[in-house]
Amino acid sequence: MKVLVTGGLGFIGSHTVVELQNKGFEVVIIDDLSNSSIDVLEGITAITGKTPIFEKLDLKDKLKVETFFNAHKDIVGVIHFAASKAVGESVEKPLLYYENNLNTLIYMLKSVLGLQASNFIFSSSCTVYGQADTMPILENAPVKPAESPYGNTKQIGEEIIKDTCKVNDDLNAISLRYFNPVGAHESAKIGELPLGVPQNLVPFITQTAAGLRKQLSVFGDDYPTPDGTCIRDYIHVVDLAKAHVIALQRLIDKTNASNYEVFNIGTGKGSSVLEVIKSFEKVSGEKLNYKIAPRRAGDITKAYADTSKSNNELGWKAELTLDDAMRSAWNWEKKIRNL
C-alpha cells in the first residue's frame, strides 16, 4: 500500500518513514528541502534496506500538487508533516507561516478528496492548548488563544480539517497533538538536524556538549514548579513515529470512531528543563555548561499530556524513556560531528 509523507525528510517525518517501511508500506516522500537534507534519504535506506520514492516539490505550488496526485492515484493515506515550525520566526514572519502552513494544507486536502482512499493524518501540536487550566491535559481541554502565529496555524489547521470532514463523509482524518519530540533512531543513522541555531532544547544541549555552542541558556528558574524551570512532556521520536503508523492503520481498517478524531501523543509525564539536563549528563557522562537566563516571552509554565485516550482507543503507548531519548540524541550528535 502506497503512503505519501509530506516533509518526510524532516525530523519526525524521516522516523515515520522508517516505521512505515518496516511495516511493509510503500512510501512516497515530498519535501522541498527548505529545512531538511537530501542526505536523510541515505539514512532511511541504510536502516530499512529500501529507498522511498522522493519528489522535491514545493506544496505552495498548487498546480504541481495536482500534477503529483494525478500521477499517484493509488495512495491509500497521507501523513502531512510539511510546515514551518519555529515559534520565534513565526512571530517575526507571520504571513510566511500562514501561507506555508495553511495554503499547503488546503491544497493537500483538496487532492486527498480526489483519491479512492481519503485517509489523512495531520501533524498537530500541544501548542493548541496554550497554558492549560489543569494537568495532565485532556483532548477536550479548551483550545486557548494561540501564543504565536505558528500555534495559530495548528489551531486553524485542525479547524479546516474538521470543517472539511463535516461535509465529506469519505474523508477520514486524525490530528495527532504532539508534545515535545526528542531523541533519534537507535542506529544513529537519522536524527534531529536543525539548520542554524536550534529552536529546541535537546539539540541545543547536544550541540553545547559537542562544543558547537559555548553555553546553554535555561530561560527562567522562578516558575511555580518544583525546581523553578518549565515542565514539558518529552516523547521519544520513535514512539511518536509509531503512533502515526497505528493512526493510519486505524483509518485504513476503518476502526475509527468518527471521521475526525484527535489524540494526544506524549508520555503522560512532565520533566523540567533541569531534569532533562541531568538526564543528559547521566547518560553521556558530559558536564553541561549552562546558565540561568531571564524568562522568554510566550513560554508556558507546564504542559504534559493525559494519554489515556491514545492508550485505550488508539492502542498506542510510549515505551521509551527520557534517558533513552537523551542517549540516542547524544549518539546522533557524536556521529554527525565525528566525535
C-alpha atoms as a PDB file:
ATOM      1  CA  MET A   1       0.000   0.000   0.000  1.00  0.00           C
ATOM      2  CA  LYS A   2       1.334   3.398  -1.033  1.00  0.00           C
ATOM      3  CA  VAL A   3       1.506   6.188   1.542  1.00  0.00           C
ATOM      4  CA  LEU A   4       2.512   9.819   0.968  1.00  0.00           C
ATOM      5  CA  VAL A   5       4.585  11.513   3.673  1.00  0.00           C
ATOM      6  CA  THR A   6       4.997  15.276   3.198  1.00  0.00           C
ATOM      7  CA  GLY A   7       8.028  16.719   4.937  1.00  0.00           C
ATOM      8  CA  GLY A   8       9.313  13.155   5.021  1.00  0.00           C
ATOM      9  CA  LEU A   9      12.989  14.103   5.270  1.00  0.00           C
ATOM     10  CA  GLY A  10      12.412  16.195   8.394  1.00  0.00           C
ATOM     11  CA  PHE A  11      12.984  15.055  11.979  1.00  0.00           C
ATOM     12  CA  ILE A  12       9.640  13.384  12.720  1.00  0.00           C
ATOM     13  CA  GLY A  13       8.872  12.645   9.072  1.00  0.00           C
ATOM     14  CA  SER A  14      12.033  10.604   8.476  1.00  0.00           C
ATOM     15  CA  HIS A  15      11.485   8.451  11.573  1.00  0.00           C
ATOM     16  CA  THR A  16       7.879   7.857  10.490  1.00  0.00           C
ATOM     17  CA  VAL A  17       9.028   6.803   7.002  1.00  0.00           C
ATOM     18  CA  VAL A  18      11.298   4.222   8.653  1.00  0.00           C
ATOM     19  CA  GLU A  19       8.432   2.809  10.734  1.00  0.00           C
ATOM     20  CA  LEU A  20       6.096   2.727   7.698  1.00  0.00           C
ATOM     21  CA  GLN A  21       8.668   0.886   5.585  1.00  0.00           C
ATOM     22  CA  ASN A  22       9.336  -1.536   8.434  1.00  0.00           C
ATOM     23  CA  LYS A  23       5.589  -2.338   8.351  1.00  0.00           C
ATOM     24  CA  GLY A  24       5.690  -3.017   4.614  1.00  0.00           C
ATOM     25  CA  PHE A  25       4.188   0.226   3.268  1.00  0.00           C
ATOM     26  CA  GLU A  26       5.478   1.718   0.020  1.00  0.00           C
ATOM     27  CA  VAL A  27       6.395   5.296   0.892  1.00  0.00           C
ATOM     28  CA  VAL A  28       6.478   8.379  -1.314  1.00  0.00           C
ATOM     29  CA  ILE A  29       8.160  11.430   0.229  1.00  0.00           C
ATOM     30  CA  ILE A  30       7.509  15.029  -0.754  1.00  0.00           C
ATOM     31  CA  ASP A  31       9.934  17.568   0.715  1.00  0.00           C
ATOM     32  CA  ASP A  32      11.097  20.980  -0.504  1.00  0.00           C
ATOM     33  CA  LEU A  33      14.390  20.619   1.441  1.00  0.00           C
ATOM     34  CA  SER A  34      13.910  24.089   2.976  1.00  0.00           C
ATOM     35  CA  ASN A  35      14.568  22.731   6.462  1.00  0.00           C
ATOM     36  CA  SER A  36      15.980  19.265   5.759  1.00  0.00           C
ATOM     37  CA  SER A  37      18.755  17.491   3.878  1.00  0.00           C
ATOM     38  CA  ILE A  38      18.670  15.035   0.975  1.00  0.00           C
ATOM     39  CA  ASP A  39      21.282  13.004   2.910  1.00  0.00           C
ATOM     40  CA  VAL A  40      18.477  11.803   5.208  1.00  0.00           C
ATOM     41  CA  LEU A  41      17.325   9.580   2.333  1.00  0.00           C
ATOM     42  CA  GLU A  42      20.547   7.570   2.699  1.00  0.00           C
ATOM     43  CA  GLY A  43      19.918   7.121   6.426  1.00  0.00           C
ATOM     44  CA  ILE A  44      16.381   5.827   5.817  1.00  0.00           C
ATOM     45  CA  THR A  45      17.695   3.406   3.176  1.00  0.00           C
ATOM     46  CA  ALA A  46      20.508   2.207   5.456  1.00  0.00           C
ATOM     47  CA  ILE A  47      18.047   1.419   8.270  1.00  0.00           C
ATOM     48  CA  THR A  48      15.267  -0.214   6.228  1.00  0.00           C
ATOM     49  CA  GLY A  49      17.130  -1.598   3.213  1.00  0.00           C
ATOM     50  CA  LYS A  50      14.674   0.208   0.950  1.00  0.00           C
ATOM     51  CA  THR A  51      14.790   3.632  -0.693  1.00  0.00           C
ATOM     52  CA  PRO A  52      11.467   5.506  -0.625  1.00  0.00           C
ATOM     53  CA  ILE A  53      10.296   7.359  -3.734  1.00  0.00           C
ATOM     54  CA  PHE A  54      11.323  11.003  -3.354  1.00  0.00           C
ATOM     55  CA  GLU A  55       9.972  14.110  -5.073  1.00  0.00           C
ATOM     56  CA  LYS A  56      11.341  17.582  -4.376  1.00  0.00           C
ATOM     57  CA  LEU A  57       8.224  19.711  -4.513  1.00  0.00           C
ATOM     58  CA  ASP A  58       7.012  22.987  -3.022  1.00  0.00           C
ATOM     59  CA  LEU A  59       3.486  22.315  -1.757  1.00  0.00           C
ATOM     60  CA  LYS A  60       2.655  26.021  -2.150  1.00  0.00           C
ATOM     61  CA  ASP A  61       2.636  25.352  -5.914  1.00  0.00           C
ATOM     62  CA  LYS A  62      -0.985  24.254  -6.364  1.00  0.00           C
ATOM     63  CA  LEU A  63      -0.531  23.060  -9.959  1.00  0.00           C
ATOM     64  CA  LYS A  64       2.444  20.842  -9.051  1.00  0.00           C
ATOM     65  CA  VAL A  65       0.483  19.334  -6.168  1.00  0.00           C
ATOM     66  CA  GLU A  66      -2.403  18.493  -8.519  1.00  0.00           C
ATOM     67  CA  THR A  67       0.011  17.014 -11.079  1.00  0.00           C
ATOM     68  CA  PHE A  68       1.633  14.867  -8.384  1.00  0.00           C
ATOM     69  CA  PHE A  69      -1.679  13.416  -7.209  1.00  0.00           C
ATOM     70  CA  ASN A  70      -2.780  12.709 -10.783  1.00  0.00           C
ATOM     71  CA  ALA A  71       0.312  10.516 -11.102  1.00  0.00           C
ATOM     72  CA  HIS A  72      -0.257   8.773  -7.723  1.00  0.00           C
ATOM     73  CA  LYS A  73      -3.958   7.962  -7.550  1.00  0.00           C
ATOM     74  CA  ASP A  74      -3.209   4.685  -5.733  1.00  0.00           C
ATOM     75  CA  ILE A  75      -2.148   6.430  -2.488  1.00  0.00           C
ATOM     76  CA  VAL A  76      -4.099   4.944   0.468  1.00  0.00           C
ATOM     77  CA  GLY A  77      -3.139   7.596   3.007  1.00  0.00           C
ATOM     78  CA  VAL A  78      -1.363  10.897   3.511  1.00  0.00           C
ATOM     79  CA  ILE A  79       0.667  11.874   6.572  1.00  0.00           C
ATOM     80  CA  HIS A  80       1.128  15.636   6.450  1.00  0.00           C
ATOM     81  CA  PHE A  81       4.193  16.949   8.301  1.00  0.00           C
ATOM     82  CA  ALA A  82       5.324  19.671   5.880  1.00  0.00           C
ATOM     83  CA  ALA A  83       5.124  23.014   7.705  1.00  0.00           C
ATOM     84  CA  SER A  84       7.299  25.793   9.075  1.00  0.00           C
ATOM     85  CA  LYS A  85       7.660  25.239  12.810  1.00  0.00           C
ATOM     86  CA  ALA A  86       9.886  27.818  14.563  1.00  0.00           C
ATOM     87  CA  VAL A  87       7.791  29.729  17.101  1.00  0.00           C
ATOM     88  CA  GLY A  88      10.105  32.764  17.236  1.00  0.00           C
ATOM     89  CA  GLU A  89      10.352  33.040  13.449  1.00  0.00           C
ATOM     90  CA  SER A  90       6.570  32.818  13.152  1.00  0.00           C
ATOM     91  CA  VAL A  91       6.218  35.916  15.353  1.00  0.00           C
ATOM     92  CA  GLU A  92       8.614  37.824  13.067  1.00  0.00           C
ATOM     93  CA  LYS A  93       7.199  36.460   9.770  1.00  0.00           C
ATOM     94  CA  PRO A  94       3.507  35.690  10.335  1.00  0.00           C
ATOM     95  CA  LEU A  95       2.470  35.835   6.661  1.00  0.00           C
ATOM     96  CA  LEU A  96       5.162  33.329   5.692  1.00  0.00           C
ATOM     97  CA  TYR A  97       3.759  30.914   8.306  1.00  0.00           C
ATOM     98  CA  TYR A  98       0.116  31.404   7.334  1.00  0.00           C
ATOM     99  CA  GLU A  99       0.926  30.919   3.654  1.00  0.00           C
ATOM    100  CA  ASN A 100       3.171  27.903   4.116  1.00  0.00           C
ATOM    101  CA  ASN A 101       1.182  26.076   6.798  1.00  0.00           C
ATOM    102  CA  LEU A 102      -2.399  26.791   5.711  1.00  0.00           C
ATOM    103  CA  ASN A 103      -2.342  27.088   1.909  1.00  0.00           C
ATOM    104  CA  THR A 104      -0.420  23.827   1.616  1.00  0.00           C
ATOM    105  CA  LEU A 105      -2.873  22.063   3.951  1.00  0.00           C
ATOM    106  CA  ILE A 106      -5.813  23.228   1.816  1.00  0.00           C
ATOM    107  CA  TYR A 107      -4.153  22.020  -1.403  1.00  0.00           C
ATOM    108  CA  MET A 108      -3.399  18.654   0.239  1.00  0.00           C
ATOM    109  CA  LEU A 109      -6.978  18.155   1.453  1.00  0.00           C
ATOM    110  CA  LYS A 110      -8.420  19.048  -1.973  1.00  0.00           C
ATOM    111  CA  SER A 111      -6.147  16.456  -3.556  1.00  0.00           C
ATOM    112  CA  VAL A 112      -6.850  13.786  -0.929  1.00  0.00           C
ATOM    113  CA  LEU A 113     -10.591  14.140  -1.586  1.00  0.00           C
ATOM    114  CA  GLY A 114      -9.882  13.060  -5.167  1.00  0.00           C
ATOM    115  CA  LEU A 115      -8.329   9.754  -4.067  1.00  0.00           C
ATOM    116  CA  GLN A 116     -10.223   6.486  -3.720  1.00  0.00           C
ATOM    117  CA  ALA A 117      -8.982   6.195  -0.118  1.00  0.00           C
ATOM    118  CA  SER A 118      -9.203   9.597   1.602  1.00  0.00           C
ATOM    119  CA  ASN A 119      -7.176   8.941   4.763  1.00  0.00           C
ATOM    120  CA  PHE A 120      -5.348  11.903   6.294  1.00  0.00           C
ATOM    121  CA  ILE A 121      -3.081  12.189   9.344  1.00  0.00           C
ATOM    122  CA  PHE A 122      -2.298  15.748  10.475  1.00  0.00           C
ATOM    123  CA  SER A 123       0.811  16.738  12.378  1.00  0.00           C
ATOM    124  CA  SER A 124      -0.674  18.924  15.119  1.00  0.00           C
ATOM    125  CA  SER A 125       0.741  20.158  18.394  1.00  0.00           C
ATOM    126  CA  CYS A 126       0.091  20.622  22.086  1.00  0.00           C
ATOM    127  CA  THR A 127       0.588  24.347  21.399  1.00  0.00           C
ATOM    128  CA  VAL A 128      -3.165  24.377  20.611  1.00  0.00           C
ATOM    129  CA  TYR A 129      -3.824  24.156  24.372  1.00  0.00           C
ATOM    130  CA  GLY A 130      -1.708  27.176  25.360  1.00  0.00           C
ATOM    131  CA  GLN A 131      -1.321  27.273  29.160  1.00  0.00           C
ATOM    132  CA  ALA A 132      -3.934  24.697  30.073  1.00  0.00           C
ATOM    133  CA  ASP A 133      -6.001  25.176  33.223  1.00  0.00           C
ATOM    134  CA  THR A 134      -5.380  21.672  34.566  1.00  0.00           C
ATOM    135  CA  MET A 135      -2.699  18.982  34.259  1.00  0.00           C
ATOM    136  CA  PRO A 136      -2.440  16.499  32.677  1.00  0.00           C
ATOM    137  CA  ILE A 137      -4.042  17.884  29.502  1.00  0.00           C
ATOM    138  CA  LEU A 138      -7.023  16.015  28.063  1.00  0.00           C
ATOM    139  CA  GLU A 139      -8.040  16.211  24.383  1.00  0.00           C
ATOM    140  CA  ASN A 140     -11.231  18.033  25.361  1.00  0.00           C
ATOM    141  CA  ALA A 141      -9.327  20.791  27.204  1.00  0.00           C
ATOM    142  CA  PRO A 142     -10.237  24.265  25.938  1.00  0.00           C
ATOM    143  CA  VAL A 143      -8.212  25.457  22.959  1.00  0.00           C
ATOM    144  CA  LYS A 144      -6.732  28.732  24.214  1.00  0.00           C
ATOM    145  CA  PRO A 145      -5.774  31.774  22.113  1.00  0.00           C
ATOM    146  CA  ALA A 146      -2.531  30.857  20.365  1.00  0.00           C
ATOM    147  CA  GLU A 147       0.738  32.202  21.780  1.00  0.00           C
ATOM    148  CA  SER A 148       2.269  32.540  18.298  1.00  0.00           C
ATOM    149  CA  PRO A 149       1.342  32.520  14.599  1.00  0.00           C
ATOM    150  CA  TYR A 150       2.854  29.009  14.450  1.00  0.00           C
ATOM    151  CA  GLY A 151       0.487  27.794  17.187  1.00  0.00           C
ATOM    152  CA  ASN A 152      -2.376  29.559  15.442  1.00  0.00           C
ATOM    153  CA  THR A 153      -1.667  27.684  12.184  1.00  0.00           C
ATOM    154  CA  LYS A 154      -2.078  24.403  14.076  1.00  0.00           C
ATOM    155  CA  GLN A 155      -5.386  25.542  15.602  1.00  0.00           C
ATOM    156  CA  ILE A 156      -6.713  26.819  12.266  1.00  0.00           C
ATOM    157  CA  GLY A 157      -5.361  23.717  10.512  1.00  0.00           C
ATOM    158  CA  GLU A 158      -7.381  21.469  12.816  1.00  0.00           C
ATOM    159  CA  GLU A 159     -10.494  23.593  12.204  1.00  0.00           C
ATOM    160  CA  ILE A 160     -10.028  23.365   8.418  1.00  0.00           C
ATOM    161  CA  ILE A 161      -9.793  19.555   8.608  1.00  0.00           C
ATOM    162  CA  LYS A 162     -12.763  19.270  10.977  1.00  0.00           C
ATOM    163  CA  ASP A 163     -14.948  21.501   8.772  1.00  0.00           C
ATOM    164  CA  THR A 164     -13.937  19.519   5.679  1.00  0.00           C
ATOM    165  CA  CYS A 165     -14.739  16.204   7.383  1.00  0.00           C
ATOM    166  CA  LYS A 166     -18.196  17.510   8.366  1.00  0.00           C
ATOM    167  CA  VAL A 167     -19.262  17.805   4.718  1.00  0.00           C
ATOM    168  CA  ASN A 168     -17.207  14.922   3.289  1.00  0.00           C
ATOM    169  CA  ASP A 169     -18.156  11.563   4.773  1.00  0.00           C
ATOM    170  CA  ASP A 170     -15.484   9.860   2.643  1.00  0.00           C
ATOM    171  CA  LEU A 171     -12.684  11.857   4.283  1.00  0.00           C
ATOM    172  CA  ASN A 172     -11.234  10.209   7.398  1.00  0.00           C
ATOM    173  CA  ALA A 173      -8.748  12.274   9.362  1.00  0.00           C
ATOM    174  CA  ILE A 174      -6.827  12.147  12.629  1.00  0.00           C
ATOM    175  CA  SER A 175      -4.980  15.069  14.220  1.00  0.00           C
ATOM    176  CA  LEU A 176      -2.102  13.940  16.433  1.00  0.00           C
ATOM    177  CA  ARG A 177      -1.255  16.588  19.017  1.00  0.00           C
ATOM    178  CA  TYR A 178       2.424  16.031  19.787  1.00  0.00           C
ATOM    179  CA  PHE A 179       4.017  17.126  22.969  1.00  0.00           C
ATOM    180  CA  ASN A 180       7.848  17.555  22.787  1.00  0.00           C
ATOM    181  CA  PRO A 181       9.580  15.142  20.378  1.00  0.00           C
ATOM    182  CA  VAL A 182      13.206  14.332  21.247  1.00  0.00           C
ATOM    183  CA  GLY A 183      15.860  11.720  20.576  1.00  0.00           C
ATOM    184  CA  ALA A 184      16.984   9.913  17.434  1.00  0.00           C
ATOM    185  CA  HIS A 185      16.875   6.478  15.844  1.00  0.00           C
ATOM    186  CA  GLU A 186      18.919   3.959  17.850  1.00  0.00           C
ATOM    187  CA  SER A 187      21.075   3.275  14.753  1.00  0.00           C
ATOM    188  CA  ALA A 188      22.227   6.946  14.790  1.00  0.00           C
ATOM    189  CA  LYS A 189      21.583   6.988  11.030  1.00  0.00           C
ATOM    190  CA  ILE A 190      18.819   9.624  11.287  1.00  0.00           C
ATOM    191  CA  GLY A 191      18.047  12.229  13.942  1.00  0.00           C
ATOM    192  CA  GLU A 192      17.248  15.873  14.547  1.00  0.00           C
ATOM    193  CA  LEU A 193      19.202  18.094  12.170  1.00  0.00           C
ATOM    194  CA  PRO A 194      18.306  21.736  12.811  1.00  0.00           C
ATOM    195  CA  LEU A 195      19.636  24.215  10.266  1.00  0.00           C
ATOM    196  CA  GLY A 196      21.287  27.166  12.028  1.00  0.00           C
ATOM    197  CA  VAL A 197      20.729  27.847  15.730  1.00  0.00           C
ATOM    198  CA  PRO A 198      18.484  25.139  17.262  1.00  0.00           C
ATOM    199  CA  GLN A 199      14.999  26.222  18.369  1.00  0.00           C
ATOM    200  CA  ASN A 200      14.531  23.238  20.686  1.00  0.00           C
ATOM    201  CA  LEU A 201      16.139  22.307  23.992  1.00  0.00           C
ATOM    202  CA  VAL A 202      17.677  18.902  23.229  1.00  0.00           C
ATOM    203  CA  PRO A 203      19.687  19.802  20.097  1.00  0.00           C
ATOM    204  CA  PHE A 204      20.927  22.868  21.982  1.00  0.00           C
ATOM    205  CA  ILE A 205      22.043  20.552  24.806  1.00  0.00           C
ATOM    206  CA  THR A 206      23.841  18.133  22.466  1.00  0.00           C
ATOM    207  CA  GLN A 207      25.475  20.949  20.459  1.00  0.00           C
ATOM    208  CA  THR A 208      26.684  22.560  23.695  1.00  0.00           C
ATOM    209  CA  ALA A 209      28.162  19.247  24.854  1.00  0.00           C
ATOM    210  CA  ALA A 210      29.790  18.814  21.424  1.00  0.00           C
ATOM    211  CA  GLY A 211      31.408  22.266  21.686  1.00  0.00           C
ATOM    212  CA  LEU A 212      29.371  23.941  18.923  1.00  0.00           C
ATOM    213  CA  ARG A 213      27.675  26.233  21.443  1.00  0.00           C
ATOM    214  CA  LYS A 214      29.544  27.890  24.300  1.00  0.00           C
ATOM    215  CA  GLN A 215      26.714  27.769  26.776  1.00  0.00           C
ATOM    216  CA  LEU A 216      23.143  26.603  27.203  1.00  0.00           C
ATOM    217  CA  SER A 217      20.637  29.153  28.476  1.00  0.00           C
ATOM    218  CA  VAL A 218      17.902  27.954  30.840  1.00  0.00           C
ATOM    219  CA  PHE A 219      15.161  30.540  30.448  1.00  0.00           C
ATOM    220  CA  GLY A 220      13.868  31.238  33.944  1.00  0.00           C
ATOM    221  CA  ASP A 221      14.205  29.368  37.252  1.00  0.00           C
ATOM    222  CA  ASP A 222      11.395  31.174  39.068  1.00  0.00           C
ATOM    223  CA  TYR A 223       8.393  29.335  37.610  1.00  0.00           C
ATOM    224  CA  PRO A 224       5.935  27.743  40.090  1.00  0.00           C
ATOM    225  CA  THR A 225       7.422  24.247  39.561  1.00  0.00           C
ATOM    226  CA  PRO A 226       9.489  22.050  41.928  1.00  0.00           C
ATOM    227  CA  ASP A 227      12.856  23.300  40.613  1.00  0.00           C
ATOM    228  CA  GLY A 228      11.641  26.591  39.118  1.00  0.00           C
ATOM    229  CA  THR A 229      12.138  25.599  35.458  1.00  0.00           C
ATOM    230  CA  CYS A 230       9.466  24.913  32.842  1.00  0.00           C
ATOM    231  CA  ILE A 231       7.963  21.435  32.597  1.00  0.00           C
ATOM    232  CA  ARG A 232       7.255  19.652  29.306  1.00  0.00           C
ATOM    233  CA  ASP A 233       6.267  16.175  28.141  1.00  0.00           C
ATOM    234  CA  TYR A 234       9.289  14.877  26.200  1.00  0.00           C
ATOM    235  CA  ILE A 235       8.399  11.992  23.900  1.00  0.00           C
ATOM    236  CA  HIS A 236      10.914   9.847  22.025  1.00  0.00           C
ATOM    237  CA  VAL A 237      10.614  10.477  18.286  1.00  0.00           C
ATOM    238  CA  VAL A 238      10.495   6.733  17.533  1.00  0.00           C
ATOM    239  CA  ASP A 239       7.461   6.304  19.804  1.00  0.00           C
ATOM    240  CA  LEU A 240       5.899   9.307  18.070  1.00  0.00           C
ATOM    241  CA  ALA A 241       6.619   7.838  14.630  1.00  0.00           C
ATOM    242  CA  LYS A 242       4.945   4.561  15.605  1.00  0.00           C
ATOM    243  CA  ALA A 243       1.825   6.486  16.640  1.00  0.00           C
ATOM    244  CA  HIS A 244       1.466   7.714  13.045  1.00  0.00           C
ATOM    245  CA  VAL A 245       1.591   4.186  11.647  1.00  0.00           C
ATOM    246  CA  ILE A 246      -1.030   2.997  14.161  1.00  0.00           C
ATOM    247  CA  ALA A 247      -3.269   6.012  13.415  1.00  0.00           C
ATOM    248  CA  LEU A 248      -3.010   5.438   9.668  1.00  0.00           C
ATOM    249  CA  GLN A 249      -3.765   1.726  10.054  1.00  0.00           C
ATOM    250  CA  ARG A 250      -6.838   2.682  12.115  1.00  0.00           C
ATOM    251  CA  LEU A 251      -8.177   4.695   9.169  1.00  0.00           C
ATOM    252  CA  ILE A 252      -7.287   2.052   6.581  1.00  0.00           C
ATOM    253  CA  ASP A 253      -9.005  -0.635   8.701  1.00  0.00           C
ATOM    254  CA  LYS A 254     -11.990   1.701   9.272  1.00  0.00           C
ATOM    255  CA  THR A 255     -11.880   1.184  13.041  1.00  0.00           C
ATOM    256  CA  ASN A 256     -12.058   4.945  13.742  1.00  0.00           C
ATOM    257  CA  ALA A 257     -14.965   6.048  15.932  1.00  0.00           C
ATOM    258  CA  SER A 258     -15.773   9.080  13.720  1.00  0.00           C
ATOM    259  CA  ASN A 259     -14.338  10.575  10.548  1.00  0.00           C
ATOM    260  CA  TYR A 260     -12.415  13.204  12.514  1.00  0.00           C
ATOM    261  CA  GLU A 261     -10.504  12.268  15.666  1.00  0.00           C
ATOM    262  CA  VAL A 262      -7.900  13.945  17.873  1.00  0.00           C
ATOM    263  CA  PHE A 263      -5.288  12.217  20.050  1.00  0.00           C
ATOM    264  CA  ASN A 264      -2.593  13.478  22.421  1.00  0.00           C
ATOM    265  CA  ILE A 265       0.774  11.897  21.728  1.00  0.00           C
ATOM    266  CA  GLY A 266       3.007  12.190  24.768  1.00  0.00           C
ATOM    267  CA  THR A 267       4.353  10.137  27.668  1.00  0.00           C
ATOM    268  CA  GLY A 268       1.904  11.448  30.256  1.00  0.00           C
ATOM    269  CA  LYS A 269       4.843  12.576  32.402  1.00  0.00           C
ATOM    270  CA  GLY A 270       6.280  16.075  32.741  1.00  0.00           C
ATOM    271  CA  SER A 271      10.026  16.713  33.026  1.00  0.00           C
ATOM    272  CA  SER A 272      11.604  20.052  33.914  1.00  0.00           C
ATOM    273  CA  VAL A 273      14.399  21.646  31.905  1.00  0.00           C
ATOM    274  CA  LEU A 274      16.856  20.892  34.720  1.00  0.00           C
ATOM    275  CA  GLU A 275      15.694  17.254  34.820  1.00  0.00           C
ATOM    276  CA  VAL A 276      16.390  16.964  31.081  1.00  0.00           C
ATOM    277  CA  ILE A 277      19.875  18.416  31.615  1.00  0.00           C
ATOM    278  CA  LYS A 278      20.515  15.935  34.476  1.00  0.00           C
ATOM    279  CA  SER A 279      19.308  13.037  32.321  1.00  0.00           C
ATOM    280  CA  PHE A 280      21.707  14.060  29.548  1.00  0.00           C
ATOM    281  CA  GLU A 281      24.641  14.411  31.951  1.00  0.00           C
ATOM    282  CA  LYS A 282      23.887  10.976  33.415  1.00  0.00           C
ATOM    283  CA  VAL A 283      23.703   9.044  30.129  1.00  0.00           C
ATOM    284  CA  SER A 284      26.515  10.940  28.359  1.00  0.00           C
ATOM    285  CA  GLY A 285      28.996  11.406  31.179  1.00  0.00           C
ATOM    286  CA  GLU A 286      29.405  15.011  29.960  1.00  0.00           C
ATOM    287  CA  LYS A 287      29.074  18.055  32.211  1.00  0.00           C
ATOM    288  CA  LEU A 288      26.960  20.745  30.577  1.00  0.00           C
ATOM    289  CA  ASN A 289      27.880  24.410  30.687  1.00  0.00           C
ATOM    290  CA  TYR A 290      24.566  26.140  31.349  1.00  0.00           C
ATOM    291  CA  LYS A 291      23.376  29.379  32.929  1.00  0.00           C
ATOM    292  CA  ILE A 292      20.049  30.670  34.171  1.00  0.00           C
ATOM    293  CA  ALA A 293      18.759  33.383  31.834  1.00  0.00           C
ATOM    294  CA  PRO A 294      15.663  35.629  32.025  1.00  0.00           C
ATOM    295  CA  ARG A 295      12.300  34.111  31.097  1.00  0.00           C
ATOM    296  CA  ARG A 296      11.341  34.054  27.424  1.00  0.00           C
ATOM    297  CA  ALA A 297       8.122  35.667  26.230  1.00  0.00           C
ATOM    298  CA  GLY A 298       5.487  33.110  25.278  1.00  0.00           C
ATOM    299  CA  ASP A 299       6.862  30.217  27.360  1.00  0.00           C
ATOM    300  CA  ILE A 300       4.171  28.452  29.337  1.00  0.00           C
ATOM    301  CA  THR A 301       4.885  27.039  32.813  1.00  0.00           C
ATOM    302  CA  LYS A 302       3.990  23.415  32.223  1.00  0.00           C
ATOM    303  CA  ALA A 303       2.385  21.125  29.702  1.00  0.00           C
ATOM    304  CA  TYR A 304       2.102  17.350  29.799  1.00  0.00           C
ATOM    305  CA  ALA A 305      -0.413  15.002  28.286  1.00  0.00           C
ATOM    306  CA  ASP A 306      -3.186  12.828  29.548  1.00  0.00           C
ATOM    307  CA  THR A 307      -2.539   9.878  27.224  1.00  0.00           C
ATOM    308  CA  SER A 308      -5.408   7.607  28.299  1.00  0.00           C
ATOM    309  CA  LYS A 309      -7.354   8.197  25.061  1.00  0.00           C
ATOM    310  CA  SER A 310      -4.401   7.355  22.805  1.00  0.00           C
ATOM    311  CA  ASN A 311      -3.516   4.385  25.040  1.00  0.00           C
ATOM    312  CA  ASN A 312      -7.051   2.957  25.182  1.00  0.00           C
ATOM    313  CA  GLU A 313      -8.703   3.980  21.906  1.00  0.00           C
ATOM    314  CA  LEU A 314      -5.747   4.216  19.557  1.00  0.00           C
ATOM    315  CA  GLY A 315      -3.932   1.276  21.131  1.00  0.00           C
ATOM    316  CA  TRP A 316      -0.639   3.165  21.327  1.00  0.00           C
ATOM    317  CA  LYS A 317       1.658   3.788  24.280  1.00  0.00           C
ATOM    318  CA  ALA A 318       5.036   5.491  24.689  1.00  0.00           C
ATOM    319  CA  GLU A 319       7.641   2.854  25.568  1.00  0.00           C
ATOM    320  CA  LEU A 320      10.985   4.680  25.527  1.00  0.00           C
ATOM    321  CA  THR A 321      12.258   6.802  28.433  1.00  0.00           C
ATOM    322  CA  LEU A 322      13.775  10.268  28.686  1.00  0.00           C
ATOM    323  CA  ASP A 323      17.167   8.609  29.302  1.00  0.00           C
ATOM    324  CA  ASP A 324      16.695   6.554  26.099  1.00  0.00           C
ATOM    325  CA  ALA A 325      15.935   9.753  24.190  1.00  0.00           C
ATOM    326  CA  MET A 326      18.930  11.664  25.569  1.00  0.00           C
ATOM    327  CA  ARG A 327      21.283   8.741  24.912  1.00  0.00           C
ATOM    328  CA  SER A 328      20.126   8.416  21.294  1.00  0.00           C
ATOM    329  CA  ALA A 329      20.273  12.195  20.737  1.00  0.00           C
ATOM    330  CA  TRP A 330      23.871  12.255  22.002  1.00  0.00           C
ATOM    331  CA  ASN A 331      24.886   9.260  19.853  1.00  0.00           C
ATOM    332  CA  TRP A 332      23.410  11.039  16.823  1.00  0.00           C
ATOM    333  CA  GLU A 333      25.212  14.294  17.658  1.00  0.00           C
ATOM    334  CA  LYS A 334      28.546  12.451  18.059  1.00  0.00           C
ATOM    335  CA  LYS A 335      28.028  10.699  14.746  1.00  0.00           C
ATOM    336  CA  ILE A 336      27.305  13.839  12.715  1.00  0.00           C
ATOM    337  CA  ARG A 337      30.213  15.722  14.388  1.00  0.00           C
ATOM    338  CA  ASN A 338      32.601  12.739  14.071  1.00  0.00           C
ATOM    339  CA  LEU A 339      33.301  12.844  17.824  1.00  0.00           C
END
